[in-house]
Amino acid sequence: MLFEYPFIFKALILCLILTGMHTYLGYHIVKRGVIFVDLALAQIAALGGCAAALAGFSAETHPALNYLVALCFTLLGAVLFSFFRSKKEKVPIEALIGITYAGAIALSLIILERSATGSEEIKEMLSGSILTVSSGELLFITVLYAVIGAVHFVFRKKFIAVTNDHEAAAASGVNIMFWDILFYATFGFIVTSSVKIAGVMLVFSFLIIPSVAAAFAAAGTVKRIVFGWIFGITGCVLGLETSLRLDWTPGASIVAAFLALLCAVIFIKNKTGVFNGLDKER
């Protein structure tokens, strides 16, 4: 049924684009052990959008200004997380990220309570609206992701070195603070753009679940990223097809498909030798 409806085809293309970039970024997030940084940044982006709407710049009437405010919030969050990572504090960075997330979602809810359509806006903030993505939004996402993807490709050795062994990279003279800020800044652009369309829940799932599945099944940077892409594409197709056939919310259906596939990967890994060879470093 996927190709019977034009709006579903657009949603599928959007999901494939999200899979391509988010799985790569998810590898870095999982490897760095800052699992909730994407959830926190996504919620900070949503908070920025809510604040802009409260100021009279809603996404419907002033989309560019709304996006700009959300982006500024996200970039400030990116700098904050880079600062957290650079400090050797007694409190784990995940705790600080969790506090930031809790604060962002609390402030978002307070702002949305002042809106007449607050309940609907809360639902959209969480689950997004991928079925209503326009051609213009799809083109914008494609161009933005291509530019950021090019940045990460050009500087891939620096990003991967900092991600895989933070202390060794610092010892070799790499400016950790600079590359962290650049990583989280580009990550912020991705999150701000995707949250507007896909919602906080789906953005978090795209970033984390395929990468966690890849960590179970494969070893090595390239194999994990490729496995995550295959996992993500499969989950998108299954999720959207399930959404059409059972009349489920598409975002929730994709997350459910990801979870089912993750369980299947863990079961296959533990009970069979299907992934033998993938889980060995080369």
C-alpha atoms as a PDB file:
ATOM      1  CA  MET A   1       0.000   0.000   0.000  1.00  0.00           C
ATOM      2  CA  LEU A   2       2.983   2.324   0.381  1.00  0.00           C
ATOM      3  CA  PHE A   3       3.033   3.476  -3.219  1.00  0.00           C
ATOM      4  CA  GLU A   4      -0.727   3.910  -3.630  1.00  0.00           C
ATOM      5  CA  TYR A   5      -0.829   7.318  -1.946  1.00  0.00           C
ATOM      6  CA  PRO A   6       1.420  10.291  -2.858  1.00  0.00           C
ATOM      7  CA  PHE A   7       1.536  11.617   0.727  1.00  0.00           C
ATOM      8  CA  ILE A   8       2.821   8.268   1.981  1.00  0.00           C
ATOM      9  CA  PHE A   9       5.542   8.297  -0.668  1.00  0.00           C
ATOM     10  CA  LYS A  10       6.713  11.709   0.604  1.00  0.00           C
ATOM     11  CA  ALA A  11       6.676  10.414   4.176  1.00  0.00           C
ATOM     12  CA  LEU A  12       8.744   7.393   3.099  1.00  0.00           C
ATOM     13  CA  ILE A  13      11.320   9.588   1.349  1.00  0.00           C
ATOM     14  CA  LEU A  14      11.526  11.774   4.463  1.00  0.00           C
ATOM     15  CA  CYS A  15      12.046   8.712   6.674  1.00  0.00           C
ATOM     16  CA  LEU A  16      14.807   7.406   4.410  1.00  0.00           C
ATOM     17  CA  ILE A  17      16.572  10.782   4.548  1.00  0.00           C
ATOM     18  CA  LEU A  18      16.256  10.837   8.344  1.00  0.00           C
ATOM     19  CA  THR A  19      17.608   7.287   8.507  1.00  0.00           C
ATOM     20  CA  GLY A  20      20.663   8.171   6.441  1.00  0.00           C
ATOM     21  CA  MET A  21      21.850  11.082   8.575  1.00  0.00           C
ATOM     22  CA  HIS A  22      20.464  10.161  11.971  1.00  0.00           C
ATOM     23  CA  THR A  23      21.950   6.662  11.957  1.00  0.00           C
ATOM     24  CA  TYR A  24      25.400   8.118  11.312  1.00  0.00           C
ATOM     25  CA  LEU A  25      24.972  10.687  14.095  1.00  0.00           C
ATOM     26  CA  GLY A  26      23.476   7.991  16.313  1.00  0.00           C
ATOM     27  CA  TYR A  27      26.701   6.009  15.997  1.00  0.00           C
ATOM     28  CA  HIS A  28      28.585   8.947  17.506  1.00  0.00           C
ATOM     29  CA  ILE A  29      25.994   9.471  20.254  1.00  0.00           C
ATOM     30  CA  VAL A  30      25.938   5.809  21.323  1.00  0.00           C
ATOM     31  CA  LYS A  31      29.729   5.500  21.115  1.00  0.00           C
ATOM     32  CA  ARG A  32      30.222   8.662  23.193  1.00  0.00           C
ATOM     33  CA  GLY A  33      27.809   7.336  25.803  1.00  0.00           C
ATOM     34  CA  VAL A  34      25.633  10.465  25.814  1.00  0.00           C
ATOM     35  CA  ILE A  35      22.451   8.665  24.846  1.00  0.00           C
ATOM     36  CA  PHE A  36      20.018  11.328  25.959  1.00  0.00           C
ATOM     37  CA  VAL A  37      21.793  14.307  24.424  1.00  0.00           C
ATOM     38  CA  ASP A  38      19.699  13.946  21.260  1.00  0.00           C
ATOM     39  CA  LEU A  39      16.464  13.726  23.248  1.00  0.00           C
ATOM     40  CA  ALA A  40      17.486  16.805  25.251  1.00  0.00           C
ATOM     41  CA  LEU A  41      18.470  18.781  22.145  1.00  0.00           C
ATOM     42  CA  ALA A  42      15.251  17.749  20.414  1.00  0.00           C
ATOM     43  CA  GLN A  43      13.253  19.007  23.369  1.00  0.00           C
ATOM     44  CA  ILE A  44      15.274  22.240  23.494  1.00  0.00           C
ATOM     45  CA  ALA A  45      14.454  22.758  19.797  1.00  0.00           C
ATOM     46  CA  ALA A  46      10.774  22.159  20.575  1.00  0.00           C
ATOM     47  CA  LEU A  47      11.018  24.630  23.482  1.00  0.00           C
ATOM     48  CA  GLY A  48      12.444  27.232  21.107  1.00  0.00           C
ATOM     49  CA  GLY A  49       9.556  26.698  18.718  1.00  0.00           C
ATOM     50  CA  CYS A  50       7.064  27.032  21.591  1.00  0.00           C
ATOM     51  CA  ALA A  51       8.732  30.228  22.812  1.00  0.00           C
ATOM     52  CA  ALA A  52       8.628  31.684  19.308  1.00  0.00           C
ATOM     53  CA  ALA A  53       4.926  30.816  19.005  1.00  0.00           C
ATOM     54  CA  LEU A  54       4.218  32.485  22.352  1.00  0.00           C
ATOM     55  CA  ALA A  55       5.951  35.620  21.040  1.00  0.00           C
ATOM     56  CA  GLY A  56       3.648  35.610  18.012  1.00  0.00           C
ATOM     57  CA  PHE A  57       5.905  33.784  15.552  1.00  0.00           C
ATOM     58  CA  SER A  58       4.095  30.478  15.108  1.00  0.00           C
ATOM     59  CA  ALA A  59       5.291  27.879  12.625  1.00  0.00           C
ATOM     60  CA  GLU A  60       2.155  28.435  10.540  1.00  0.00           C
ATOM     61  CA  THR A  61       2.334  32.241  10.240  1.00  0.00           C
ATOM     62  CA  HIS A  62       6.096  32.891  10.528  1.00  0.00           C
ATOM     63  CA  PRO A  63       7.867  29.589   9.717  1.00  0.00           C
ATOM     64  CA  ALA A  64      11.280  31.147   9.074  1.00  0.00           C
ATOM     65  CA  LEU A  65      11.338  33.132  12.339  1.00  0.00           C
ATOM     66  CA  ASN A  66       9.988  30.174  14.298  1.00  0.00           C
ATOM     67  CA  TYR A  67      12.722  27.961  12.882  1.00  0.00           C
ATOM     68  CA  LEU A  68      15.408  30.583  13.585  1.00  0.00           C
ATOM     69  CA  VAL A  69      14.399  30.920  17.245  1.00  0.00           C
ATOM     70  CA  ALA A  70      14.299  27.136  17.670  1.00  0.00           C
ATOM     71  CA  LEU A  71      17.729  26.876  16.047  1.00  0.00           C
ATOM     72  CA  CYS A  72      19.193  29.508  18.385  1.00  0.00           C
ATOM     73  CA  PHE A  73      17.871  27.578  21.395  1.00  0.00           C
ATOM     74  CA  THR A  74      19.362  24.359  20.031  1.00  0.00           C
ATOM     75  CA  LEU A  75      22.774  25.859  19.308  1.00  0.00           C
ATOM     76  CA  LEU A  76      22.927  27.271  22.830  1.00  0.00           C
ATOM     77  CA  GLY A  77      22.128  23.780  24.084  1.00  0.00           C
ATOM     78  CA  ALA A  78      24.890  22.359  21.870  1.00  0.00           C
ATOM     79  CA  VAL A  79      27.448  24.745  23.366  1.00  0.00           C
ATOM     80  CA  LEU A  80      26.203  23.870  26.858  1.00  0.00           C
ATOM     81  CA  PHE A  81      26.639  20.134  26.256  1.00  0.00           C
ATOM     82  CA  SER A  82      30.115  20.686  24.832  1.00  0.00           C
ATOM     83  CA  PHE A  83      30.967  22.562  28.045  1.00  0.00           C
ATOM     84  CA  PHE A  84      29.569  19.684  30.141  1.00  0.00           C
ATOM     85  CA  ARG A  85      31.736  17.197  28.242  1.00  0.00           C
ATOM     86  CA  SER A  86      34.886  19.291  28.638  1.00  0.00           C
ATOM     87  CA  LYS A  87      34.619  19.420  32.433  1.00  0.00           C
ATOM     88  CA  LYS A  88      35.656  16.595  34.731  1.00  0.00           C
ATOM     89  CA  GLU A  89      32.881  16.980  37.257  1.00  0.00           C
ATOM     90  CA  LYS A  90      31.722  14.593  39.975  1.00  0.00           C
ATOM     91  CA  VAL A  91      28.243  14.567  38.416  1.00  0.00           C
ATOM     92  CA  PRO A  92      27.989  12.361  35.274  1.00  0.00           C
ATOM     93  CA  ILE A  93      27.251  14.224  32.050  1.00  0.00           C
ATOM     94  CA  GLU A  94      24.124  12.088  31.511  1.00  0.00           C
ATOM     95  CA  ALA A  95      22.680  13.467  34.747  1.00  0.00           C
ATOM     96  CA  LEU A  96      23.233  17.046  33.569  1.00  0.00           C
ATOM     97  CA  ILE A  97      21.725  16.226  30.175  1.00  0.00           C
ATOM     98  CA  GLY A  98      18.728  14.626  31.893  1.00  0.00           C
ATOM     99  CA  ILE A  99      18.172  17.714  34.009  1.00  0.00           C
ATOM    100  CA  THR A 100      18.359  19.889  30.897  1.00  0.00           C
ATOM    101  CA  TYR A 101      15.774  17.691  29.172  1.00  0.00           C
ATOM    102  CA  ALA A 102      13.428  17.778  32.159  1.00  0.00           C
ATOM    103  CA  GLY A 103      13.700  21.556  32.338  1.00  0.00           C
ATOM    104  CA  ALA A 104      13.093  21.972  28.601  1.00  0.00           C
ATOM    105  CA  ILE A 105      10.004  19.762  28.564  1.00  0.00           C
ATOM    106  CA  ALA A 106       8.601  21.430  31.706  1.00  0.00           C
ATOM    107  CA  LEU A 107       8.983  24.891  30.182  1.00  0.00           C
ATOM    108  CA  SER A 108       7.480  23.665  26.888  1.00  0.00           C
ATOM    109  CA  LEU A 109       4.403  22.347  28.698  1.00  0.00           C
ATOM    110  CA  ILE A 110       4.021  25.585  30.662  1.00  0.00           C
ATOM    111  CA  ILE A 111       4.133  27.603  27.423  1.00  0.00           C
ATOM    112  CA  LEU A 112       1.739  25.290  25.574  1.00  0.00           C
ATOM    113  CA  GLU A 113      -0.777  25.480  28.429  1.00  0.00           C
ATOM    114  CA  ARG A 114      -1.277  29.115  27.455  1.00  0.00           C
ATOM    115  CA  SER A 115      -2.380  28.059  23.970  1.00  0.00           C
ATOM    116  CA  ALA A 116      -6.003  27.292  23.070  1.00  0.00           C
ATOM    117  CA  THR A 117      -4.831  24.254  21.093  1.00  0.00           C
ATOM    118  CA  GLY A 118      -2.258  23.187  23.675  1.00  0.00           C
ATOM    119  CA  SER A 119      -3.178  19.483  23.758  1.00  0.00           C
ATOM    120  CA  GLU A 120      -2.875  19.156  19.982  1.00  0.00           C
ATOM    121  CA  GLU A 121       0.419  21.045  19.974  1.00  0.00           C
ATOM    122  CA  ILE A 122       1.802  18.768  22.692  1.00  0.00           C
ATOM    123  CA  LYS A 123       0.849  15.720  20.614  1.00  0.00           C
ATOM    124  CA  GLU A 124       2.502  17.214  17.515  1.00  0.00           C
ATOM    125  CA  MET A 125       5.613  18.144  19.511  1.00  0.00           C
ATOM    126  CA  LEU A 126       5.990  14.510  20.560  1.00  0.00           C
ATOM    127  CA  SER A 127       4.892  12.568  17.473  1.00  0.00           C
ATOM    128  CA  GLY A 128       5.279  15.073  14.631  1.00  0.00           C
ATOM    129  CA  SER A 129       3.317  15.097  11.380  1.00  0.00           C
ATOM    130  CA  ILE A 130       5.327  13.236   8.746  1.00  0.00           C
ATOM    131  CA  LEU A 131       2.214  12.527   6.651  1.00  0.00           C
ATOM    132  CA  THR A 132       1.733  16.230   5.970  1.00  0.00           C
ATOM    133  CA  VAL A 133       5.310  17.010   4.934  1.00  0.00           C
ATOM    134  CA  SER A 134       5.327  19.405   1.981  1.00  0.00           C
ATOM    135  CA  SER A 135       7.574  19.294  -1.082  1.00  0.00           C
ATOM    136  CA  GLY A 136       9.277  22.472   0.143  1.00  0.00           C
ATOM    137  CA  GLU A 137      10.033  20.978   3.560  1.00  0.00           C
ATOM    138  CA  LEU A 138      11.312  17.809   1.924  1.00  0.00           C
ATOM    139  CA  LEU A 139      13.617  19.813  -0.356  1.00  0.00           C
ATOM    140  CA  PHE A 140      14.896  21.904   2.570  1.00  0.00           C
ATOM    141  CA  ILE A 141      15.649  18.794   4.642  1.00  0.00           C
ATOM    142  CA  THR A 142      17.411  17.164   1.682  1.00  0.00           C
ATOM    143  CA  VAL A 143      19.669  20.161   1.002  1.00  0.00           C
ATOM    144  CA  LEU A 144      20.457  20.782   4.686  1.00  0.00           C
ATOM    145  CA  TYR A 145      21.310  17.138   5.334  1.00  0.00           C
ATOM    146  CA  ALA A 146      23.468  17.017   2.217  1.00  0.00           C
ATOM    147  CA  VAL A 147      25.473  20.051   3.385  1.00  0.00           C
ATOM    148  CA  ILE A 148      25.930  18.720   6.916  1.00  0.00           C
ATOM    149  CA  GLY A 149      26.708  15.263   5.559  1.00  0.00           C
ATOM    150  CA  ALA A 150      29.439  16.823   3.411  1.00  0.00           C
ATOM    151  CA  VAL A 151      30.919  18.579   6.474  1.00  0.00           C
ATOM    152  CA  HIS A 152      31.035  15.304   8.378  1.00  0.00           C
ATOM    153  CA  PHE A 153      32.536  13.479   5.410  1.00  0.00           C
ATOM    154  CA  VAL A 154      35.327  16.032   4.970  1.00  0.00           C
ATOM    155  CA  PHE A 155      36.191  16.019   8.682  1.00  0.00           C
ATOM    156  CA  ARG A 156      35.222  12.394   9.375  1.00  0.00           C
ATOM    157  CA  LYS A 157      38.655  11.423  10.736  1.00  0.00           C
ATOM    158  CA  LYS A 158      38.523  14.150  13.399  1.00  0.00           C
ATOM    159  CA  PHE A 159      34.929  13.419  14.409  1.00  0.00           C
ATOM    160  CA  ILE A 160      35.496   9.655  14.579  1.00  0.00           C
ATOM    161  CA  ALA A 161      38.803  10.056  16.462  1.00  0.00           C
ATOM    162  CA  VAL A 162      37.140  12.208  19.127  1.00  0.00           C
ATOM    163  CA  THR A 163      34.178   9.821  19.351  1.00  0.00           C
ATOM    164  CA  ASN A 164      36.126   6.542  19.450  1.00  0.00           C
ATOM    165  CA  ASP A 165      38.832   7.592  21.914  1.00  0.00           C
ATOM    166  CA  HIS A 166      38.361  10.987  23.506  1.00  0.00           C
ATOM    167  CA  GLU A 167      41.513  10.847  25.648  1.00  0.00           C
ATOM    168  CA  ALA A 168      43.783   9.552  22.857  1.00  0.00           C
ATOM    169  CA  ALA A 169      42.546  12.313  20.540  1.00  0.00           C
ATOM    170  CA  ALA A 170      43.292  14.937  23.191  1.00  0.00           C
ATOM    171  CA  ALA A 171      46.762  13.461  23.774  1.00  0.00           C
ATOM    172  CA  SER A 172      47.498  13.688  20.048  1.00  0.00           C
ATOM    173  CA  GLY A 173      46.828  17.426  20.063  1.00  0.00           C
ATOM    174  CA  VAL A 174      43.250  17.474  18.773  1.00  0.00           C
ATOM    175  CA  ASN A 175      41.247  20.480  20.018  1.00  0.00           C
ATOM    176  CA  ILE A 176      38.451  18.498  21.677  1.00  0.00           C
ATOM    177  CA  MET A 177      36.355  21.541  22.606  1.00  0.00           C
ATOM    178  CA  PHE A 178      36.349  22.856  19.020  1.00  0.00           C
ATOM    179  CA  TRP A 179      35.378  19.531  17.431  1.00  0.00           C
ATOM    180  CA  ASP A 180      32.752  18.892  20.093  1.00  0.00           C
ATOM    181  CA  ILE A 181      31.153  22.288  19.493  1.00  0.00           C
ATOM    182  CA  LEU A 182      31.211  21.717  15.723  1.00  0.00           C
ATOM    183  CA  PHE A 183      29.714  18.240  16.151  1.00  0.00           C
ATOM    184  CA  TYR A 184      26.927  19.393  18.452  1.00  0.00           C
ATOM    185  CA  ALA A 185      26.268  22.496  16.317  1.00  0.00           C
ATOM    186  CA  THR A 186      25.751  20.424  13.155  1.00  0.00           C
ATOM    187  CA  PHE A 187      23.767  17.987  15.261  1.00  0.00           C
ATOM    188  CA  GLY A 188      21.660  20.930  16.421  1.00  0.00           C
ATOM    189  CA  PHE A 189      20.801  21.909  12.834  1.00  0.00           C
ATOM    190  CA  ILE A 190      19.691  18.329  12.153  1.00  0.00           C
ATOM    191  CA  VAL A 191      17.600  18.048  15.301  1.00  0.00           C
ATOM    192  CA  THR A 192      15.932  21.460  14.921  1.00  0.00           C
ATOM    193  CA  SER A 193      14.868  20.668  11.369  1.00  0.00           C
ATOM    194  CA  SER A 194      13.692  17.130  12.012  1.00  0.00           C
ATOM    195  CA  VAL A 195      11.766  17.867  15.223  1.00  0.00           C
ATOM    196  CA  LYS A 196       9.548  20.319  13.340  1.00  0.00           C
ATOM    197  CA  ILE A 197       8.368  17.491  11.094  1.00  0.00           C
ATOM    198  CA  ALA A 198       8.967  14.189  12.865  1.00  0.00           C
ATOM    199  CA  GLY A 199       8.534  15.150  16.530  1.00  0.00           C
ATOM    200  CA  VAL A 200      10.715  14.470  19.565  1.00  0.00           C
ATOM    201  CA  MET A 201       9.800  10.780  19.925  1.00  0.00           C
ATOM    202  CA  LEU A 202      10.584   9.809  16.337  1.00  0.00           C
ATOM    203  CA  VAL A 203      13.789  11.857  16.162  1.00  0.00           C
ATOM    204  CA  PHE A 204      15.098  10.135  19.298  1.00  0.00           C
ATOM    205  CA  SER A 205      14.155   6.721  17.888  1.00  0.00           C
ATOM    206  CA  PHE A 206      15.868   7.360  14.538  1.00  0.00           C
ATOM    207  CA  LEU A 207      19.038   8.416  16.295  1.00  0.00           C
ATOM    208  CA  ILE A 208      19.272   5.689  18.922  1.00  0.00           C
ATOM    209  CA  ILE A 209      17.462   2.449  18.037  1.00  0.00           C
ATOM    210  CA  PRO A 210      19.231   1.617  14.724  1.00  0.00           C
ATOM    211  CA  SER A 211      22.596   2.450  16.306  1.00  0.00           C
ATOM    212  CA  VAL A 212      21.922   0.292  19.367  1.00  0.00           C
ATOM    213  CA  ALA A 213      20.871  -2.604  17.103  1.00  0.00           C
ATOM    214  CA  ALA A 214      24.076  -2.136  15.115  1.00  0.00           C
ATOM    215  CA  ALA A 215      26.109  -2.172  18.345  1.00  0.00           C
ATOM    216  CA  PHE A 216      24.616  -5.578  19.174  1.00  0.00           C
ATOM    217  CA  ALA A 217      25.189  -7.032  15.701  1.00  0.00           C
ATOM    218  CA  ALA A 218      28.392  -5.493  14.360  1.00  0.00           C
ATOM    219  CA  ALA A 219      31.804  -4.126  15.313  1.00  0.00           C
ATOM    220  CA  GLY A 220      33.712  -1.349  13.613  1.00  0.00           C
ATOM    221  CA  THR A 221      32.570   2.081  12.500  1.00  0.00           C
ATOM    222  CA  VAL A 222      31.679   1.315   8.876  1.00  0.00           C
ATOM    223  CA  LYS A 223      29.873  -1.969   9.572  1.00  0.00           C
ATOM    224  CA  ARG A 224      27.818  -0.434  12.366  1.00  0.00           C
ATOM    225  CA  ILE A 225      26.741   2.532  10.258  1.00  0.00           C
ATOM    226  CA  VAL A 226      25.824   0.347   7.270  1.00  0.00           C
ATOM    227  CA  PHE A 227      23.947  -2.116   9.487  1.00  0.00           C
ATOM    228  CA  GLY A 228      22.094   0.825  11.065  1.00  0.00           C
ATOM    229  CA  TRP A 229      21.079   2.100   7.627  1.00  0.00           C
ATOM    230  CA  ILE A 230      19.682  -1.303   6.640  1.00  0.00           C
ATOM    231  CA  PHE A 231      17.898  -1.602   9.986  1.00  0.00           C
ATOM    232  CA  GLY A 232      16.441   1.920   9.687  1.00  0.00           C
ATOM    233  CA  ILE A 233      15.211   1.491   6.120  1.00  0.00           C
ATOM    234  CA  THR A 234      13.565  -1.823   6.995  1.00  0.00           C
ATOM    235  CA  GLY A 235      11.892  -0.293  10.046  1.00  0.00           C
ATOM    236  CA  CYS A 236      10.588   2.692   8.059  1.00  0.00           C
ATOM    237  CA  VAL A 237       9.008   0.486   5.386  1.00  0.00           C
ATOM    238  CA  LEU A 238       7.455  -1.894   7.934  1.00  0.00           C
ATOM    239  CA  GLY A 239       6.258   0.950  10.155  1.00  0.00           C
ATOM    240  CA  LEU A 240       4.570   2.937   7.391  1.00  0.00           C
ATOM    241  CA  GLU A 241       2.988  -0.183   5.905  1.00  0.00           C
ATOM    242  CA  THR A 242       1.639  -1.146   9.342  1.00  0.00           C
ATOM    243  CA  SER A 243       0.342   2.392   9.828  1.00  0.00           C
ATOM    244  CA  LEU A 244      -1.639   2.186   6.588  1.00  0.00           C
ATOM    245  CA  ARG A 245      -3.044  -1.289   7.159  1.00  0.00           C
ATOM    246  CA  LEU A 246      -3.960  -0.895  10.841  1.00  0.00           C
ATOM    247  CA  ASP A 247      -4.686   2.864  10.850  1.00  0.00           C
ATOM    248  CA  TRP A 248      -2.003   3.558  13.442  1.00  0.00           C
ATOM    249  CA  THR A 249      -0.188   6.855  13.950  1.00  0.00           C
ATOM    250  CA  PRO A 250       2.801   6.670  11.543  1.00  0.00           C
ATOM    251  CA  GLY A 251       5.416   7.885  14.016  1.00  0.00           C
ATOM    252  CA  ALA A 252       4.332   5.400  16.679  1.00  0.00           C
ATOM    253  CA  SER A 253       4.166   2.626  14.066  1.00  0.00           C
ATOM    254  CA  ILE A 254       7.762   3.263  12.979  1.00  0.00           C
ATOM    255  CA  VAL A 255       8.966   3.245  16.595  1.00  0.00           C
ATOM    256  CA  ALA A 256       7.076  -0.028  17.189  1.00  0.00           C
ATOM    257  CA  ALA A 257       8.689  -1.532  14.069  1.00  0.00           C
ATOM    258  CA  PHE A 258      12.125  -0.419  15.296  1.00  0.00           C
ATOM    259  CA  LEU A 259      11.520  -2.034  18.687  1.00  0.00           C
ATOM    260  CA  ALA A 260      10.340  -5.286  17.095  1.00  0.00           C
ATOM    261  CA  LEU A 261      13.400  -5.361  14.843  1.00  0.00           C
ATOM    262  CA  LEU A 262      15.686  -4.591  17.801  1.00  0.00           C
ATOM    263  CA  CYS A 263      14.241  -7.531  19.723  1.00  0.00           C
ATOM    264  CA  ALA A 264      14.732  -9.719  16.644  1.00  0.00           C
ATOM    265  CA  VAL A 265      18.372  -8.615  16.298  1.00  0.00           C
ATOM    266  CA  ILE A 266      19.098  -9.366  19.968  1.00  0.00           C
ATOM    267  CA  PHE A 267      17.386 -12.772  19.737  1.00  0.00           C
ATOM    268  CA  ILE A 268      19.212 -13.714  16.520  1.00  0.00           C
ATOM    269  CA  LYS A 269      22.521 -12.528  17.966  1.00  0.00           C
ATOM    270  CA  ASN A 270      22.110 -14.635  21.093  1.00  0.00           C
ATOM    271  CA  LYS A 271      20.582 -17.754  19.529  1.00  0.00           C
ATOM    272  CA  THR A 272      22.175 -18.092  16.088  1.00  0.00           C
ATOM    273  CA  GLY A 273      25.393 -17.329  14.251  1.00  0.00           C
ATOM    274  CA  VAL A 274      23.820 -15.107  11.605  1.00  0.00           C
ATOM    275  CA  PHE A 275      25.885 -12.084  12.590  1.00  0.00           C
ATOM    276  CA  ASN A 276      29.154 -13.977  12.988  1.00  0.00           C
ATOM    277  CA  GLY A 277      31.845 -12.012  11.202  1.00  0.00           C
ATOM    278  CA  LEU A 278      30.041  -8.698  11.541  1.00  0.00           C
ATOM    279  CA  ASP A 279      30.894  -8.525  15.230  1.00  0.00           C
ATOM    280  CA  LYS A 280      34.638  -8.807  14.687  1.00  0.00           C
ATOM    281  CA  GLU A 281      36.875  -5.762  14.306  1.00  0.00           C
ATOM    282  CA  ARG A 282      38.887  -5.644  11.099  1.00  0.00           C
END
